[in-house]
Amino acid sequence: MIISRMVKSYLILLAGLLTLAAPGMAQEIKNLIPENVVDTAYIDNQLNTWSLRPFFTFRDHSFQIRNDLTAIRYAPTNRFGAGIGVAYNPLLLDIGANFNTNRDNPTKRFDFQGDLLIKSHFVNLTIQNYKGFEVMPKSSEASTFREDIASLAVVATYIYAFNKNRISVASVLTGRHRQKKSAYTFGVGGFLLYSRMKADSSIIPEDQQAFFNDRANLIRFESFSMGLVAAFGYVIVLPSNLYTFFSLAPWVGLNYKEATTYAERQIPSD
């Protein structure tokens, strides 16, 4: 499909650009946050080249199909994970493993998150590839596990952050700076989002198909979105070099969707 080829080409191009740009960025690390634009009352301007941090995650990555009569929820069986975040110069990479809380029917998961920080510019790439979902109809207490249902989500986000002289994005995400005082920032940017769901047969269980029309018997669904992001972040500095960070980033944009059943390929209107 055209959208799939676009996303693959985009990822290959982005990976190539990061590989080519990384050595030059490392050489210019001292210029990433110039001393003359940093308010040292808010930020300790002693820049560390690298940092390590542990992290824990909870990723639901569930979706629903519903109408006026009922609803069906699809959710992964293992949602928790932990790992180590590595930051070197402007590059950030999270490497982790998932906790298989359901060993009989585990969801096969691949989660990737990479970030690039250059002065006030923040670029994020997130990839989530899941296979195996628990199917939970609202009209029934029984649930089933479908190992053939797979989903993929690829998100690329760019944000330009203001107030860089008083708040350090590097301190929030990597710990390579030390934030001395609480501060806030606004940001603007854009995003690209590709998502896909596919299955070997209709994702609607046979005992639930009477509640839905034929167009709900999906075997594939794809969506491509692009638009604008407005962001707000606030870091609160606590005693003993601890801090907490709150953020809000609503998206608005355009969306193209394509749904496939055994009988037809359709473009949903909503």
Protein backbone atom coordinates (compact mmCIF):
# COMPACT_ATOMS: atom_id res chain seq x y z
CA MET A 1 0.00 0.00 0.00
CA ILE A 2 1.17 3.59 -0.69
CA ILE A 3 0.94 4.67 2.96
CA SER A 4 2.98 1.68 4.14
CA ARG A 5 5.72 2.44 1.61
CA MET A 6 5.71 6.10 2.69
CA VAL A 7 6.20 5.17 6.35
CA LYS A 8 8.98 2.66 5.58
CA SER A 9 10.79 5.21 3.41
CA TYR A 10 10.39 7.85 6.11
CA LEU A 11 11.89 5.58 8.79
CA ILE A 12 14.84 4.61 6.57
CA LEU A 13 15.50 8.27 5.75
CA LEU A 14 15.23 9.33 9.40
CA ALA A 15 17.62 6.58 10.54
CA GLY A 16 20.13 7.58 7.86
CA LEU A 17 19.98 11.25 8.80
CA LEU A 18 20.50 10.46 12.49
CA THR A 19 23.49 8.24 11.68
CA LEU A 20 25.12 10.93 9.53
CA ALA A 21 24.35 13.75 11.93
CA ALA A 22 25.41 12.12 15.21
CA PRO A 23 29.23 12.61 14.88
CA GLY A 24 28.87 16.28 14.02
CA MET A 25 26.46 16.81 16.88
CA ALA A 26 28.88 15.24 19.33
CA GLN A 27 31.62 17.65 18.23
CA GLU A 28 29.33 20.63 18.74
CA ILE A 29 28.02 19.57 22.16
CA LYS A 30 29.42 22.64 23.89
CA ASN A 31 27.32 24.84 21.64
CA LEU A 32 24.01 23.08 22.28
CA ILE A 33 23.12 25.37 25.20
CA PRO A 34 25.27 28.50 25.05
CA GLU A 35 26.20 30.01 28.40
CA ASN A 36 25.01 33.48 27.45
CA VAL A 37 21.38 32.38 27.03
CA VAL A 38 21.05 30.25 30.18
CA ASP A 39 19.79 31.77 33.41
CA THR A 40 22.16 30.12 35.90
CA ALA A 41 19.74 30.90 38.73
CA TYR A 42 17.43 28.29 37.14
CA ILE A 43 19.83 25.89 35.39
CA ASP A 44 23.21 24.50 36.36
CA ASN A 45 25.06 24.94 33.08
CA GLN A 46 27.65 22.21 33.74
CA LEU A 47 26.76 19.80 30.91
CA ASN A 48 27.30 16.07 31.35
CA THR A 49 28.14 14.16 28.18
CA TRP A 50 26.08 11.07 29.04
CA SER A 51 23.66 9.71 31.62
CA LEU A 52 21.85 6.53 32.62
CA ARG A 53 18.41 6.29 34.21
CA PRO A 54 16.08 3.40 35.10
CA PHE A 55 12.47 3.57 33.95
CA PHE A 56 9.21 1.68 34.34
CA THR A 57 6.40 1.70 31.79
CA PHE A 58 2.72 0.89 31.56
CA ARG A 59 1.49 0.74 27.95
CA ASP A 60 -2.12 -0.24 27.42
CA HIS A 61 -2.22 0.04 23.60
CA SER A 62 -5.80 -1.23 23.55
CA PHE A 63 -8.56 -0.39 21.09
CA GLN A 64 -12.33 -0.84 20.83
CA ILE A 65 -15.04 -1.59 18.32
CA ARG A 66 -18.47 -0.42 19.46
CA ASN A 67 -21.95 0.57 18.38
CA ASP A 68 -25.22 1.43 20.11
CA LEU A 69 -25.77 -2.20 21.13
CA THR A 70 -22.43 -3.35 22.52
CA ALA A 71 -18.66 -2.92 22.49
CA ILE A 72 -15.61 -5.17 22.19
CA ARG A 73 -12.27 -4.26 23.76
CA TYR A 74 -8.93 -5.60 22.52
CA ALA A 75 -6.00 -5.34 24.94
CA PRO A 76 -2.48 -6.79 25.28
CA THR A 77 -1.99 -9.25 28.13
CA ASN A 78 1.36 -7.88 29.35
CA ARG A 79 1.41 -4.11 29.79
CA PHE A 80 4.28 -3.53 32.21
CA GLY A 81 7.94 -3.08 31.38
CA ALA A 82 11.23 -1.78 32.77
CA GLY A 83 14.62 -0.88 31.43
CA ILE A 84 17.50 1.58 31.18
CA GLY A 85 17.46 4.93 29.43
CA VAL A 86 20.75 5.99 27.85
CA ALA A 87 21.56 9.58 26.86
CA TYR A 88 24.73 10.47 24.98
CA ASN A 89 25.18 14.05 23.81
CA PRO A 90 21.91 15.01 22.04
CA LEU A 91 20.67 11.42 21.53
CA LEU A 92 18.36 9.55 23.90
CA LEU A 93 17.48 5.85 23.70
CA ASP A 94 15.26 3.74 25.97
CA ILE A 95 16.05 0.02 26.10
CA GLY A 96 13.73 -2.21 28.11
CA ALA A 97 12.00 -5.56 28.54
CA ASN A 98 8.38 -6.49 29.18
CA PHE A 99 6.99 -8.39 32.15
CA ASN A 100 5.04 -11.46 30.98
CA THR A 101 2.29 -11.48 33.60
CA ASN A 102 0.24 -13.88 31.45
CA ARG A 103 2.53 -16.75 30.50
CA ASP A 104 -0.18 -18.85 28.87
CA ASN A 105 -1.16 -16.17 26.34
CA PRO A 106 1.57 -13.52 26.22
CA THR A 107 1.40 -10.60 23.81
CA LYS A 108 4.51 -10.36 21.66
CA ARG A 109 5.69 -6.76 21.98
CA PHE A 110 8.31 -4.48 20.51
CA ASP A 111 8.56 -0.95 21.93
CA PHE A 112 11.09 1.61 20.76
CA GLN A 113 11.53 5.23 21.74
CA GLY A 114 14.31 7.52 20.57
CA ASP A 115 14.73 11.26 21.14
CA LEU A 116 16.96 13.96 19.72
CA LEU A 117 17.59 17.24 21.60
CA ILE A 118 19.27 20.22 19.95
CA LYS A 119 18.92 23.49 21.87
CA SER A 120 15.16 24.17 21.87
CA HIS A 121 14.37 21.51 19.24
CA PHE A 122 12.93 18.17 20.37
CA VAL A 123 12.38 15.22 17.99
CA ASN A 124 10.78 11.96 19.11
CA LEU A 125 10.28 8.65 17.29
CA THR A 126 8.10 5.96 18.89
CA ILE A 127 7.38 2.51 17.45
CA GLN A 128 4.98 -0.01 19.01
CA ASN A 129 4.48 -3.42 17.37
CA TYR A 130 2.15 -5.82 19.22
CA LYS A 131 0.86 -9.27 18.30
CA GLY A 132 -1.71 -11.18 20.34
CA PHE A 133 -4.69 -9.49 22.00
CA GLU A 134 -7.26 -10.48 24.59
CA VAL A 135 -10.78 -10.00 23.18
CA MET A 136 -13.31 -8.84 25.78
CA PRO A 137 -16.94 -8.36 24.63
CA LYS A 138 -19.05 -6.09 26.82
CA SER A 139 -22.06 -8.39 26.45
CA SER A 140 -20.17 -11.45 27.75
CA GLU A 141 -18.08 -12.19 30.80
CA ALA A 142 -15.93 -14.66 28.83
CA SER A 143 -12.84 -13.43 27.00
CA THR A 144 -10.68 -15.09 24.35
CA PHE A 145 -7.09 -14.64 23.20
CA ARG A 146 -6.40 -14.02 19.52
CA GLU A 147 -2.75 -14.52 18.65
CA ASP A 148 -3.35 -13.55 15.01
CA ILE A 149 -4.41 -9.94 15.75
CA ALA A 150 -1.45 -7.57 15.34
CA SER A 151 -1.10 -3.81 15.60
CA LEU A 152 1.61 -1.35 14.62
CA ALA A 153 1.92 2.34 15.56
CA VAL A 154 4.69 4.68 14.37
CA VAL A 155 4.74 8.26 15.68
CA ALA A 156 7.22 11.01 14.82
CA THR A 157 6.89 14.29 16.74
CA TYR A 158 8.73 17.60 16.54
CA ILE A 159 8.37 20.35 19.18
CA TYR A 160 10.10 23.71 19.50
CA ALA A 161 10.26 24.68 23.20
CA PHE A 162 10.28 28.29 24.36
CA ASN A 163 11.76 29.72 27.59
CA LYS A 164 14.94 27.71 27.05
CA ASN A 165 16.97 30.04 29.25
CA ARG A 166 15.01 28.98 32.38
CA ILE A 167 13.99 25.37 31.74
CA SER A 168 16.23 22.62 30.42
CA VAL A 169 14.59 19.82 28.45
CA ALA A 170 17.82 17.86 28.94
CA SER A 171 17.39 18.03 32.72
CA VAL A 172 13.83 16.72 32.49
CA LEU A 173 14.49 13.85 30.07
CA THR A 174 18.10 12.84 30.76
CA GLY A 175 19.45 14.42 33.95
CA ARG A 176 22.42 15.83 32.03
CA HIS A 177 21.59 19.28 33.44
CA ARG A 178 20.44 20.18 36.94
CA GLN A 179 17.32 22.29 37.19
CA LYS A 180 17.73 24.63 40.20
CA LYS A 181 14.31 26.30 40.25
CA SER A 182 10.83 25.38 39.09
CA ALA A 183 9.93 26.72 35.65
CA TYR A 184 7.48 26.25 32.78
CA THR A 185 7.63 26.25 29.01
CA PHE A 186 5.36 26.33 25.98
CA GLY A 187 6.04 24.58 22.70
CA VAL A 188 4.70 24.23 19.16
CA GLY A 189 5.38 21.63 16.49
CA GLY A 190 3.91 18.88 14.40
CA PHE A 191 3.45 15.12 14.17
CA LEU A 192 3.16 12.19 11.77
CA LEU A 193 1.27 9.06 12.83
CA TYR A 194 0.81 5.73 11.08
CA SER A 195 -1.20 2.90 12.63
CA ARG A 196 -2.25 -0.51 11.38
CA MET A 197 -4.28 -3.42 12.67
CA LYS A 198 -4.53 -6.76 10.87
CA ALA A 199 -5.80 -10.29 11.52
CA ASP A 200 -6.10 -13.61 9.70
CA SER A 201 -9.90 -13.56 10.04
CA SER A 202 -12.59 -11.15 11.21
CA ILE A 203 -11.69 -9.55 14.52
CA ILE A 204 -15.34 -9.84 15.61
CA PRO A 205 -15.94 -13.12 17.49
CA GLU A 206 -18.55 -15.37 15.88
CA ASP A 207 -20.90 -15.12 18.87
CA GLN A 208 -20.79 -11.30 18.61
CA GLN A 209 -21.28 -10.86 14.86
CA ALA A 210 -25.07 -10.61 15.21
CA PHE A 211 -24.55 -7.25 16.99
CA PHE A 212 -22.57 -5.73 14.10
CA ASN A 213 -23.03 -5.20 10.38
CA ASP A 214 -20.74 -6.73 7.74
CA ARG A 215 -18.51 -3.63 7.61
CA ALA A 216 -17.33 -4.32 11.17
CA ASN A 217 -15.86 -7.70 10.21
CA LEU A 218 -12.43 -6.19 9.72
CA ILE A 219 -9.32 -8.10 8.74
CA ARG A 220 -7.20 -4.97 8.25
CA PHE A 221 -7.39 -1.30 9.24
CA GLU A 222 -4.87 1.43 8.43
CA SER A 223 -4.70 5.08 9.42
CA PHE A 224 -2.34 7.92 8.54
CA SER A 225 -2.46 11.28 10.36
CA MET A 226 -0.50 14.51 10.33
CA GLY A 227 -1.02 17.82 12.08
CA LEU A 228 0.05 20.35 14.68
CA VAL A 229 1.05 20.00 18.33
CA ALA A 230 0.76 22.60 21.10
CA ALA A 231 2.67 21.72 24.28
CA PHE A 232 2.93 22.96 27.86
CA GLY A 233 5.39 21.65 30.45
CA TYR A 234 6.11 22.51 34.08
CA VAL A 235 9.01 21.17 36.13
CA ILE A 236 8.78 21.37 39.92
CA VAL A 237 12.11 21.16 41.74
CA LEU A 238 12.02 19.21 45.01
CA PRO A 239 14.62 18.85 47.79
CA SER A 240 17.60 16.49 47.43
CA ASN A 241 17.99 17.09 43.66
CA LEU A 242 14.61 15.53 42.92
CA TYR A 243 11.98 16.97 40.59
CA THR A 244 8.63 16.17 39.02
CA PHE A 245 7.49 17.15 35.54
CA PHE A 246 3.98 17.68 34.18
CA SER A 247 3.19 18.08 30.50
CA LEU A 248 0.20 18.50 28.20
CA ALA A 249 0.43 18.21 24.41
CA PRO A 250 -2.89 18.20 22.50
CA TRP A 251 -2.84 17.32 18.79
CA VAL A 252 -5.01 18.54 15.95
CA GLY A 253 -4.68 17.35 12.37
CA LEU A 254 -5.94 15.48 9.33
CA ASN A 255 -6.57 11.75 9.18
CA TYR A 256 -6.92 9.22 6.36
CA LYS A 257 -8.33 5.76 7.17
CA GLU A 258 -8.84 2.60 5.17
CA ALA A 259 -10.71 -0.51 6.36
CA THR A 260 -10.68 -3.94 4.72
CA THR A 261 -13.12 -6.83 5.15
CA TYR A 262 -13.42 -10.06 3.20
CA ALA A 263 -15.95 -8.43 0.89
CA GLU A 264 -14.59 -4.90 0.31
CA ARG A 265 -12.12 -2.17 1.01
CA GLN A 266 -13.67 1.00 2.39
CA ILE A 267 -12.77 4.50 3.58
CA PRO A 268 -14.64 5.21 6.85
CA SER A 269 -16.25 8.63 7.20
CA ASP A 270 -15.57 8.89 10.95
